[in-house]
């Protein structure tokens, strides 16, 4: 790594430009290392942040453009004949061509964060004759997003960039893969939504209900099931990391990033954000949800019972989890740790449960499409602001907050599924009686 970074020291922007251009033609250049080190040089004042992003982004865009036109002009015959030299023989080419033709251009936005994938997306975009205008929009936006993230992280981490580079790359890779999986799931649902809805409906014995209800509930159950399953997988991964004491780097990185981005001038704003996660705010949300169910609910008894169960059960769920993880913790807890350090975070878990259930109940009985989009996004933003404020005031560890959100999401998802299934069974009984 020293010899690579020494070139940046000597030639600066020229090496950065050429390295990213060549890497995205699939040559073995460590672009992410160079970008992180460039950010470190920005931290030292030796390079300009905006100019570094601009030059790196242009280099990446030119590399992606060259790879596209190679794929477009030379096409499949070239790779069938010579692709084995680049580990892209006919069989692998066919698999990748099918994959890319199916899942399309939007993956270009996140492909940069997945090693191996970013090196072949340009070629297969050209080979599969993806229109260049569409390709350029997504590929260029993705390129600038990629270089901005790594150069900015290097700048924020400063002298510690090298120590945490591998950890950052790991988390971004996980995030990129997760985003790709979500995109693929959405694509599959859109393509086979009729079959999926019919399967869900058949499994739940909904043949006695009207079509509109089946379609709406089928989508809701399918989407909630997929999201809950994804959170459960993430939850088990976090449990494994906790037991292996592997959160140290993650915690250190997040603390450094928060302290670098937000200085003491943000104190008043962060105090306002923290109020959104207070017990008082949670109580107001519960009162609003209770009144909303009374006014708009379809099966008020079931919905009020679900509200009571999700809250009381959530409190019991998080208390049980914290006691279990305290006993299993690989790092001994002091008395102070038992009071102030919690995995998962009690407040974060209940914030997800309460905000999430309030959002769900609100949009469940509103038919406006814009509200269905804006309200969940607003709820997500509020949760991010609350988490940021707690990190800013060093109230809890980042891993504790992340675990609280993930575990709370699992509990919320299971309760939403239970509520909707109970509602369906009630509707079926009503239809049978009639």
Protein backbone atom coordinates (compact mmCIF):
# COMPACT_ATOMS: atom_id res chain seq x y z
CA UNK A 1 0.00 0.00 0.00
CA UNK A 2 2.92 2.33 0.73
CA UNK A 3 4.20 2.28 -2.84
CA UNK A 4 0.72 2.98 -4.16
CA UNK A 5 0.06 5.92 -1.89
CA UNK A 6 3.52 7.33 -2.59
CA UNK A 7 2.45 7.95 -6.20
CA UNK A 8 -0.44 10.04 -4.93
CA UNK A 9 2.01 11.98 -2.77
CA UNK A 10 4.15 12.76 -5.82
CA UNK A 11 1.68 13.16 -8.66
CA UNK A 12 -1.62 13.82 -6.85
CA UNK A 13 -4.59 14.34 -9.14
CA UNK A 14 -2.97 12.71 -12.20
CA UNK A 15 -2.55 9.34 -10.44
CA UNK A 16 -6.04 9.54 -8.98
CA UNK A 17 -7.56 10.21 -12.40
CA UNK A 18 -5.63 7.45 -14.20
CA UNK A 19 -6.07 4.86 -11.45
CA UNK A 20 -9.85 5.13 -11.41
CA UNK A 21 -10.06 5.24 -15.19
CA UNK A 22 -7.98 2.07 -15.47
CA UNK A 23 -9.69 0.27 -12.60
CA UNK A 24 -13.07 0.64 -14.24
CA UNK A 25 -11.69 -0.88 -17.41
CA UNK A 26 -11.11 -3.88 -15.09
CA UNK A 27 -7.38 -3.41 -14.44
CA UNK A 28 -6.15 -4.25 -10.91
CA UNK A 29 -5.88 -0.80 -9.33
CA UNK A 30 -6.94 -0.32 -5.67
CA UNK A 31 -9.22 2.62 -6.34
CA UNK A 32 -10.89 2.64 -2.93
CA UNK A 33 -7.54 2.74 -1.12
CA UNK A 34 -6.36 5.59 -3.31
CA UNK A 35 -9.58 7.54 -2.79
CA UNK A 36 -9.42 7.09 0.99
CA UNK A 37 -5.80 8.22 1.00
CA UNK A 38 -6.75 11.17 -1.18
CA UNK A 39 -9.26 12.11 1.49
CA UNK A 40 -6.46 11.95 4.06
CA UNK A 41 -4.39 14.33 1.92
CA UNK A 42 -7.43 16.61 1.78
CA UNK A 43 -7.53 16.44 5.58
CA UNK A 44 -3.89 17.57 5.62
CA UNK A 45 -4.66 20.43 3.24
CA UNK A 46 -2.44 19.07 0.47
CA UNK A 47 -5.30 18.45 -1.97
CA UNK A 48 -8.62 20.16 -2.58
CA UNK A 49 -11.75 18.18 -1.62
CA UNK A 50 -14.06 19.35 -4.43
CA UNK A 51 -11.34 19.13 -7.07
CA UNK A 52 -10.40 15.62 -5.91
CA UNK A 53 -14.01 14.45 -6.21
CA UNK A 54 -14.37 16.09 -9.60
CA UNK A 55 -11.17 14.56 -11.04
CA UNK A 56 -11.83 11.13 -9.53
CA UNK A 57 -15.43 11.19 -10.79
CA UNK A 58 -14.38 12.18 -14.31
CA UNK A 59 -11.76 9.41 -14.35
CA UNK A 60 -14.34 6.86 -13.23
CA UNK A 61 -16.88 8.10 -15.80
CA UNK A 62 -14.35 7.89 -18.65
CA UNK A 63 -13.40 4.37 -17.55
CA UNK A 64 -17.05 3.33 -17.51
CA UNK A 65 -17.60 4.94 -20.91
CA UNK A 66 -14.65 3.08 -22.46
CA UNK A 67 -15.79 -0.25 -21.01
CA UNK A 68 -19.32 0.38 -22.34
CA UNK A 69 -18.16 1.05 -25.89
CA UNK A 70 -15.79 -1.92 -25.83
CA UNK A 71 -18.73 -4.09 -24.89
CA UNK A 72 -20.95 -2.41 -27.45
CA UNK A 73 -18.53 -2.56 -30.40
CA UNK A 74 -16.79 -5.86 -29.79
CA UNK A 75 -19.68 -7.56 -28.09
CA UNK A 76 -20.32 -11.14 -27.21
CA UNK A 77 -18.04 -12.81 -29.83
CA UNK A 78 -14.94 -11.21 -28.29
CA UNK A 79 -15.75 -12.43 -24.78
CA UNK A 80 -16.63 -15.89 -26.01
CA UNK A 81 -13.25 -16.13 -27.70
CA UNK A 82 -10.95 -14.31 -25.28
CA UNK A 83 -13.01 -13.86 -22.12
CA UNK A 84 -11.37 -16.77 -20.29
CA UNK A 85 -8.21 -14.69 -20.00
CA UNK A 86 -10.16 -12.21 -17.89
CA UNK A 87 -12.07 -14.91 -15.97
CA UNK A 88 -15.13 -14.20 -18.09
CA UNK A 89 -15.52 -17.26 -20.28
CA UNK A 90 -18.64 -18.12 -22.30
CA UNK A 91 -20.47 -19.80 -19.43
CA UNK A 92 -19.83 -16.98 -16.97
CA UNK A 93 -20.57 -14.42 -19.66
CA UNK A 94 -23.95 -15.98 -20.28
CA UNK A 95 -24.82 -15.90 -16.58
CA UNK A 96 -23.77 -12.30 -16.16
CA UNK A 97 -25.54 -11.23 -19.35
CA UNK A 98 -28.77 -12.82 -18.18
CA UNK A 99 -28.38 -11.30 -14.71
CA UNK A 100 -27.70 -7.80 -16.01
CA UNK A 101 -30.37 -7.85 -18.68
CA UNK A 102 -32.87 -8.83 -16.00
CA UNK A 103 -31.97 -6.44 -13.23
CA UNK A 104 -31.10 -3.45 -15.32
CA UNK A 105 -29.56 -0.07 -15.16
CA UNK A 106 -30.57 1.03 -11.66
CA UNK A 107 -28.05 -1.39 -10.18
CA UNK A 108 -25.34 0.82 -11.71
CA UNK A 109 -25.91 3.21 -8.82
CA UNK A 110 -24.78 0.67 -6.23
CA UNK A 111 -22.56 -1.62 -8.34
CA UNK A 112 -19.51 0.54 -7.59
CA UNK A 113 -19.60 -0.54 -3.96
CA UNK A 114 -19.50 -4.26 -4.83
CA UNK A 115 -15.98 -5.43 -5.86
CA UNK A 116 -16.00 -7.45 -9.06
CA UNK A 117 -19.43 -6.21 -10.07
CA UNK A 118 -18.38 -2.64 -10.85
CA UNK A 119 -15.64 -3.93 -13.15
CA UNK A 120 -18.03 -5.72 -15.50
CA UNK A 121 -21.17 -3.59 -15.51
CA UNK A 122 -19.86 -1.30 -18.26
CA UNK A 123 -18.98 -4.21 -20.55
CA UNK A 124 -22.29 -5.97 -20.08
CA UNK A 125 -24.24 -2.74 -20.47
CA UNK A 126 -22.64 -2.36 -23.89
CA UNK A 127 -22.90 -6.03 -24.78
CA UNK A 128 -26.60 -6.12 -23.91
CA UNK A 129 -27.12 -2.88 -25.91
CA UNK A 130 -28.42 -0.83 -23.01
CA UNK A 131 -29.08 2.64 -24.53
CA UNK A 132 -26.06 4.83 -23.83
CA UNK A 133 -28.15 7.79 -22.65
CA UNK A 134 -29.80 5.70 -19.95
CA UNK A 135 -26.52 3.98 -19.12
CA UNK A 136 -24.66 7.30 -18.79
CA UNK A 137 -27.23 8.81 -16.41
CA UNK A 138 -27.03 5.97 -13.91
CA UNK A 139 -23.35 5.10 -14.39
CA UNK A 140 -22.13 8.69 -14.00
CA UNK A 141 -24.30 9.41 -10.97
CA UNK A 142 -23.08 6.18 -9.39
CA UNK A 143 -19.45 7.07 -10.16
CA UNK A 144 -19.63 10.45 -8.44
CA UNK A 145 -21.52 8.94 -5.50
CA UNK A 146 -18.80 6.28 -5.11
CA UNK A 147 -15.83 8.65 -5.22
CA UNK A 148 -17.57 11.19 -2.98
CA UNK A 149 -18.20 8.57 -0.28
CA UNK A 150 -14.61 7.26 -0.13
CA UNK A 151 -12.83 10.60 -0.47
CA UNK A 152 -15.10 12.16 2.14
CA UNK A 153 -14.61 9.24 4.53
CA UNK A 154 -10.83 9.57 4.15
CA UNK A 155 -11.13 13.29 4.89
CA UNK A 156 -13.31 12.74 7.96
CA UNK A 157 -11.20 9.93 9.40
CA UNK A 158 -7.95 11.81 8.82
CA UNK A 159 -4.86 9.99 10.17
CA UNK A 160 -7.01 6.99 11.10
CA UNK A 161 -8.13 6.32 7.54
CA UNK A 162 -5.84 3.31 7.08
CA UNK A 163 -6.79 1.63 10.37
CA UNK A 164 -10.49 1.68 9.52
CA UNK A 165 -10.34 1.38 5.73
CA UNK A 166 -11.03 -2.36 5.66
CA UNK A 167 -13.93 -2.01 8.12
CA UNK A 168 -15.52 0.82 6.14
CA UNK A 169 -15.15 -1.17 2.94
CA UNK A 170 -16.80 -4.15 4.64
CA UNK A 171 -19.83 -2.16 5.83
CA UNK A 172 -20.25 -0.39 2.50
CA UNK A 173 -20.02 -3.76 0.74
CA UNK A 174 -22.70 -5.18 3.02
CA UNK A 175 -24.85 -2.12 2.38
CA UNK A 176 -24.33 -2.39 -1.37
CA UNK A 177 -25.25 -6.08 -1.41
CA UNK A 178 -28.30 -5.38 0.78
CA UNK A 179 -29.42 -2.62 -1.58
CA UNK A 180 -28.92 -4.93 -4.57
CA UNK A 181 -30.96 -7.66 -2.91
CA UNK A 182 -33.76 -5.21 -2.12
CA UNK A 183 -33.75 -3.99 -5.73
CA UNK A 184 -33.89 -7.56 -7.05
CA UNK A 185 -36.75 -8.41 -4.67
CA UNK A 186 -38.69 -5.35 -5.83
CA UNK A 187 -38.02 -6.26 -9.47
CA UNK A 188 -39.17 -9.86 -8.95
CA UNK A 189 -42.29 -8.66 -7.15
CA UNK A 190 -43.20 -6.24 -9.93
CA UNK A 191 -42.65 -8.88 -12.59
CA UNK A 192 -44.46 -11.70 -10.79
CA UNK A 193 -46.77 -9.70 -8.55
CA UNK A 194 -49.88 -11.45 -9.80
CA UNK A 195 -48.45 -14.90 -9.01
CA UNK A 196 -47.13 -13.73 -5.64
CA UNK A 197 -50.44 -12.20 -4.65
CA UNK A 198 -52.36 -15.29 -5.70
CA UNK A 199 -49.97 -17.53 -3.76
CA UNK A 200 -50.25 -15.45 -0.59
CA UNK A 201 -54.00 -15.32 -0.93
CA UNK A 202 -54.26 -19.07 -1.52
CA UNK A 203 -52.06 -19.89 1.45
CA UNK A 204 -54.20 -17.69 3.70
CA UNK A 205 -57.46 -19.12 2.35
CA UNK A 206 -58.77 -15.80 1.15
CA UNK A 207 -61.06 -17.10 -1.57
CA UNK A 208 -64.06 -15.81 0.38
CA UNK A 209 -62.95 -12.16 0.29
CA UNK A 210 -63.46 -9.61 -2.43
CA UNK A 211 -60.73 -8.97 -5.02
CA UNK A 212 -59.80 -5.47 -3.90
CA UNK A 213 -59.13 -6.60 -0.35
CA UNK A 214 -57.10 -9.59 -1.53
CA UNK A 215 -54.91 -7.47 -3.77
CA UNK A 216 -54.23 -4.83 -1.16
CA UNK A 217 -53.65 -7.26 1.71
CA UNK A 218 -51.63 -9.62 -0.44
CA UNK A 219 -49.19 -6.84 -1.27
CA UNK A 220 -49.00 -5.69 2.35
CA UNK A 221 -48.33 -9.18 3.70
CA UNK A 222 -45.77 -9.98 1.02
CA UNK A 223 -43.85 -6.72 1.51
CA UNK A 224 -43.93 -6.96 5.30
CA UNK A 225 -42.84 -10.60 5.25
CA UNK A 226 -39.85 -9.86 3.00
CA UNK A 227 -38.73 -6.88 5.07
CA UNK A 228 -39.15 -8.75 8.36
CA UNK A 229 -37.20 -11.72 7.01
CA UNK A 230 -34.37 -9.42 5.91
CA UNK A 231 -34.27 -7.79 9.35
CA UNK A 232 -34.23 -11.20 11.04
CA UNK A 233 -31.22 -12.24 8.97
CA UNK A 234 -29.49 -8.98 9.90
CA UNK A 235 -30.45 -9.52 13.54
CA UNK A 236 -28.80 -12.94 13.66
CA UNK A 237 -25.70 -11.46 12.03
CA UNK A 238 -25.56 -8.74 14.69
CA UNK A 239 -25.93 -11.32 17.44
CA UNK A 240 -22.97 -13.20 16.00
CA UNK A 241 -20.90 -10.00 15.83
CA UNK A 242 -21.82 -9.13 19.42
CA UNK A 243 -20.81 -12.53 20.75
CA UNK A 244 -17.57 -12.32 18.76
CA UNK A 245 -16.86 -8.80 20.11
CA UNK A 246 -16.59 -7.52 16.53
CA UNK A 247 -18.34 -4.16 16.96
CA UNK A 248 -15.24 -2.25 18.09
CA UNK A 249 -14.26 -0.92 14.67
CA UNK A 250 -17.85 -0.09 13.79
CA UNK A 251 -18.28 1.89 17.01
CA UNK A 252 -14.99 3.73 16.56
CA UNK A 253 -15.75 4.64 12.95
CA UNK A 254 -19.22 5.98 13.76
CA UNK A 255 -17.94 8.03 16.70
CA UNK A 256 -15.22 9.58 14.54
CA UNK A 257 -17.65 10.34 11.71
CA UNK A 258 -20.24 11.94 14.00
CA UNK A 259 -17.63 14.07 15.76
CA UNK A 260 -16.15 15.10 12.41
CA UNK A 261 -19.44 16.06 10.77
CA UNK A 262 -21.18 17.68 13.75
CA UNK A 263 -19.34 20.16 15.95
CA UNK A 264 -20.63 21.86 19.11
CA UNK A 265 -22.59 24.38 17.05
CA UNK A 266 -25.11 21.58 16.51
CA UNK A 267 -25.85 21.19 20.23
CA UNK A 268 -29.21 22.98 20.22
CA UNK A 269 -30.39 21.18 17.09
CA UNK A 270 -29.35 17.82 18.54
CA UNK A 271 -31.23 18.58 21.74
CA UNK A 272 -34.34 19.16 19.64
CA UNK A 273 -33.79 15.89 17.78
CA UNK A 274 -33.33 14.00 21.05
CA UNK A 275 -36.72 15.24 22.26
CA UNK A 276 -38.30 13.34 19.34
CA UNK A 277 -37.11 10.10 20.95
CA UNK A 278 -38.12 10.96 24.52
CA UNK A 279 -40.75 9.17 26.57
CA UNK A 280 -43.00 12.22 26.24
CA UNK A 281 -42.84 12.05 22.44
CA UNK A 282 -43.52 8.31 22.55
CA UNK A 283 -46.56 8.90 24.78
CA UNK A 284 -47.95 11.54 22.41
CA UNK A 285 -47.58 9.14 19.49
CA UNK A 286 -49.39 6.40 21.40
CA UNK A 287 -52.25 8.78 22.25
CA UNK A 288 -52.48 9.84 18.60
CA UNK A 289 -52.49 6.21 17.45
CA UNK A 290 -55.20 5.31 19.98
CA UNK A 291 -57.44 8.18 18.84
CA UNK A 292 -56.75 7.44 15.15
CA UNK A 293 -57.82 3.82 15.58
CA UNK A 294 -61.02 4.93 17.33
CA UNK A 295 -61.81 7.33 14.48
CA UNK A 296 -60.66 5.35 11.43
CA UNK A 297 -60.20 1.74 12.49
CA UNK A 298 -61.95 -1.07 10.66
CA UNK A 299 -61.71 -3.66 13.44
CA UNK A 300 -61.17 -1.40 16.44
CA UNK A 301 -61.00 -4.16 19.05
CA UNK A 302 -58.35 -6.10 17.16
CA UNK A 303 -56.35 -2.97 16.34
CA UNK A 304 -56.43 -1.62 19.89
CA UNK A 305 -55.42 -5.04 21.19
CA UNK A 306 -52.53 -5.07 18.72
CA UNK A 307 -51.45 -1.61 19.91
CA UNK A 308 -51.40 -2.80 23.51
CA UNK A 309 -49.56 -6.00 22.65
CA UNK A 310 -46.91 -4.36 20.46
CA UNK A 311 -46.05 -1.85 23.22
CA UNK A 312 -46.15 -4.09 26.30
CA UNK A 313 -44.63 -6.99 24.41
CA UNK A 314 -41.95 -4.69 23.02
CA UNK A 315 -40.96 -3.59 26.53
CA UNK A 316 -40.76 -7.21 27.65
CA UNK A 317 -38.90 -8.17 24.46
CA UNK A 318 -36.17 -5.54 24.87
CA UNK A 319 -35.78 -6.16 28.61
CA UNK A 320 -35.35 -9.89 28.02
CA UNK A 321 -32.86 -9.29 25.23
CA UNK A 322 -30.73 -6.90 27.28
CA UNK A 323 -30.55 -9.33 30.20
CA UNK A 324 -29.61 -12.20 27.89
CA UNK A 325 -26.88 -10.22 26.11
CA UNK A 326 -25.49 -8.83 29.35
CA UNK A 327 -25.02 -12.40 30.58
CA UNK A 328 -23.48 -13.51 27.26
CA UNK A 329 -21.30 -10.43 26.68
CA UNK A 330 -17.67 -11.32 25.80
CA UNK A 331 -16.58 -8.13 27.64
CA UNK A 332 -17.25 -8.02 31.41
CA UNK A 333 -19.76 -5.35 32.47
CA UNK A 334 -19.12 -3.02 35.36
CA UNK A 335 -22.02 -1.75 37.49
CA UNK A 336 -22.00 1.51 35.50
CA UNK A 337 -22.11 -0.42 32.23
CA UNK A 338 -25.18 -2.32 33.42
CA UNK A 339 -26.96 1.00 33.91
CA UNK A 340 -25.75 3.00 30.92
CA UNK A 341 -24.68 0.44 28.31
CA UNK A 342 -27.43 -1.65 26.75
CA UNK A 343 -27.40 -4.03 23.81
CA UNK A 344 -29.80 -3.56 22.17
CA UNK A 345 -30.72 0.02 23.06
CA UNK A 346 -34.00 0.15 24.95
CA UNK A 347 -34.99 3.59 23.67
CA UNK A 348 -34.02 2.85 20.06
CA UNK A 349 -35.97 -0.40 20.01
CA UNK A 350 -39.11 1.23 21.39
CA UNK A 351 -38.75 4.23 19.07
CA UNK A 352 -38.80 1.92 16.07
CA UNK A 353 -41.78 0.03 17.45
CA UNK A 354 -43.83 3.10 18.37
CA UNK A 355 -42.97 5.28 15.37
CA UNK A 356 -43.30 2.32 13.03
CA UNK A 357 -46.67 1.21 14.36
CA UNK A 358 -47.99 4.79 14.31
CA UNK A 359 -46.91 5.21 10.69
CA UNK A 360 -48.42 1.87 9.74
CA UNK A 361 -51.79 2.56 11.38
CA UNK A 362 -51.91 6.06 9.89
CA UNK A 363 -51.27 5.03 6.27
CA UNK A 364 -53.36 1.86 6.65
CA UNK A 365 -56.56 3.90 6.69
CA UNK A 366 -55.55 6.64 4.25
CA UNK A 367 -55.91 6.08 0.51
CA UNK A 368 -53.72 8.97 -0.69
CA UNK A 369 -50.72 7.56 -2.55
CA UNK A 370 -48.47 10.50 -1.67
CA UNK A 371 -49.13 9.99 2.03
CA UNK A 372 -48.20 6.33 1.67
CA UNK A 373 -44.76 7.50 0.47
CA UNK A 374 -44.13 10.69 2.42
CA UNK A 375 -45.17 9.54 5.90
CA UNK A 376 -42.89 6.45 6.02
CA UNK A 377 -39.99 8.53 4.66
CA UNK A 378 -40.64 11.19 7.30
CA UNK A 379 -40.72 8.52 10.01
CA UNK A 380 -37.40 7.11 8.79
CA UNK A 381 -35.81 10.57 8.79
CA UNK A 382 -36.99 11.17 12.36
CA UNK A 383 -35.45 7.87 13.51
CA UNK A 384 -32.15 8.79 11.84
CA UNK A 385 -32.16 12.21 13.55
CA UNK A 386 -32.86 10.62 16.93
CA UNK A 387 -30.01 8.15 16.48
CA UNK A 388 -27.66 10.94 15.38
CA UNK A 389 -28.50 13.00 18.46
CA UNK A 390 -27.79 10.08 20.79
CA UNK A 391 -24.45 9.50 19.11
CA UNK A 392 -23.69 13.22 19.27
CA UNK A 393 -24.22 13.29 23.05
CA UNK A 394 -22.44 9.92 23.45
CA UNK A 395 -25.43 8.49 25.29
CA UNK A 396 -25.10 5.03 23.76
CA UNK A 397 -22.74 3.08 21.56
CA UNK A 398 -23.51 3.02 17.81
CA UNK A 399 -23.83 -0.78 17.86
CA UNK A 400 -26.43 -0.55 20.65
CA UNK A 401 -28.54 1.90 18.67
CA UNK A 402 -28.21 -0.10 15.44
CA UNK A 403 -29.20 -3.28 17.27
CA UNK A 404 -32.17 -1.51 18.84
CA UNK A 405 -33.42 -0.44 15.43
CA UNK A 406 -32.95 -3.88 13.87
CA UNK A 407 -34.45 -5.85 16.77
CA UNK A 408 -37.30 -3.35 17.04
CA UNK A 409 -37.94 -3.69 13.31
CA UNK A 410 -38.26 -7.46 13.69
CA UNK A 411 -40.74 -7.12 16.56
CA UNK A 412 -42.72 -4.49 14.65
CA UNK A 413 -42.83 -6.58 11.46
CA UNK A 414 -44.04 -9.70 13.28
CA UNK A 415 -46.80 -7.73 15.00
CA UNK A 416 -47.96 -6.12 11.75
CA UNK A 417 -48.18 -9.56 10.16
CA UNK A 418 -50.11 -10.86 13.16
CA UNK A 419 -52.50 -7.89 13.02
CA UNK A 420 -53.20 -8.28 9.31
CA UNK A 421 -53.74 -12.03 9.57
CA UNK A 422 -56.14 -11.49 12.49
CA UNK A 423 -57.99 -8.88 10.45
CA UNK A 424 -58.29 -11.31 7.53
CA UNK A 425 -59.57 -14.13 9.71
CA UNK A 426 -62.17 -11.78 11.15
CA UNK A 427 -63.27 -10.77 7.65
CA UNK A 428 -63.51 -14.41 6.56
CA UNK A 429 -65.70 -15.27 9.55
CA UNK A 430 -67.95 -12.30 8.74
CA UNK A 431 -68.35 -13.41 5.11
CA UNK A 432 -69.14 -16.97 6.16
CA UNK A 433 -71.82 -15.82 8.58
CA UNK A 434 -73.42 -13.74 5.84
